[in-house]
């Protein structure tokens, strides 16, 4: 598709969405409700929608549903922030949801619909989108206030798709792991293109460190964790001894804000591994149920490690003085909802 045709297609979709939304009655500003109390983060499932997690770690509850007048699905929450990227139902585009903890608003993102993978940078100022056909990578920067396409790239050798994706703060670089066995891991930048860095197992998770082009990978062929040190453009691979047994099925990896500690969620064995970034110290927290993810919530030390909508939601509290596994009860309070307001220039 030519750039001209793509531009006209995006403009047409925007007008269609605006027409759909303008047919709905506007929500008077005086009727706006706000979330009250400490907000730890947000959860989404198709039955109840978006709910804030309120309270304190260890004593948290689910709040009222945040409803938008546009049906949404496949929501990706930004780490440590109160905004998200969401699919508009029916393949009608991508939306940016902002101010979720105060006055929820929605606006249209002028990007193609249908990414199969979405990954935020550690500070959530950038997001990478992967489109499997024909293997296109798109990086948005300036989130959440001024989103814009920073760069895009056509990936090679990704006929099977990607197993994992990560983007650095500022959107300067992307890590991409192929969905093959073994899985090549590439560093992608607009200047140097697509470079092979490492070969991992099919179960691979990636993350950049905060404000850095250094990265961490879990899912080596022997289940190890490795650091990729970016030394003046030359990448050095450092293997870490992070666990007493191989992590056969890792599902997520993240770095603490100071980059001194790494967290790994593993489904087999079911555990959270806490390791110093230099590999000298490691602690393992056993989990009652296998984690399925490791997603940092609005509270920077709290991570969601299970699905929402299928029983209790399990959380990992990474507070250094008392790391622990917590859960949210699956019994929800009486259904109430928070109305939205439209962002300036957004959907109405």
Foldseek 3Di string as FASTA:
>chain_A
DDPVVLVVVLVVLQVVQQVVQVVDDADDPVPFDADDADFQFWAADPPQGIWTWHDDVVDIATHAHADEPFDWDDWAQQFQFAKIWTQGPPQSAIWIWHPNRTFIAIFGDSDHTDFPDKEAANVRQKIWTFDVVVGKIWMWGRPPPDTDTPDMDRDPPQNVHWLEKEAHVVRQWIWTWHQDAFIFIWIAGPVPGTHTDATFGNQKYKHAAHPDPKIKMAGHPQRWIWIWHQDVNDTDIGTAPFDPHHQHHWQYKDAANVRQWIWTQGQVQGWIKIAGPVRPDIDIDHDPHRFNHWGHGSNRQKTWGHHPPPFWTKMWGRDPVDTDIDIYGNDHDDHDYGYHHYDVNGHD
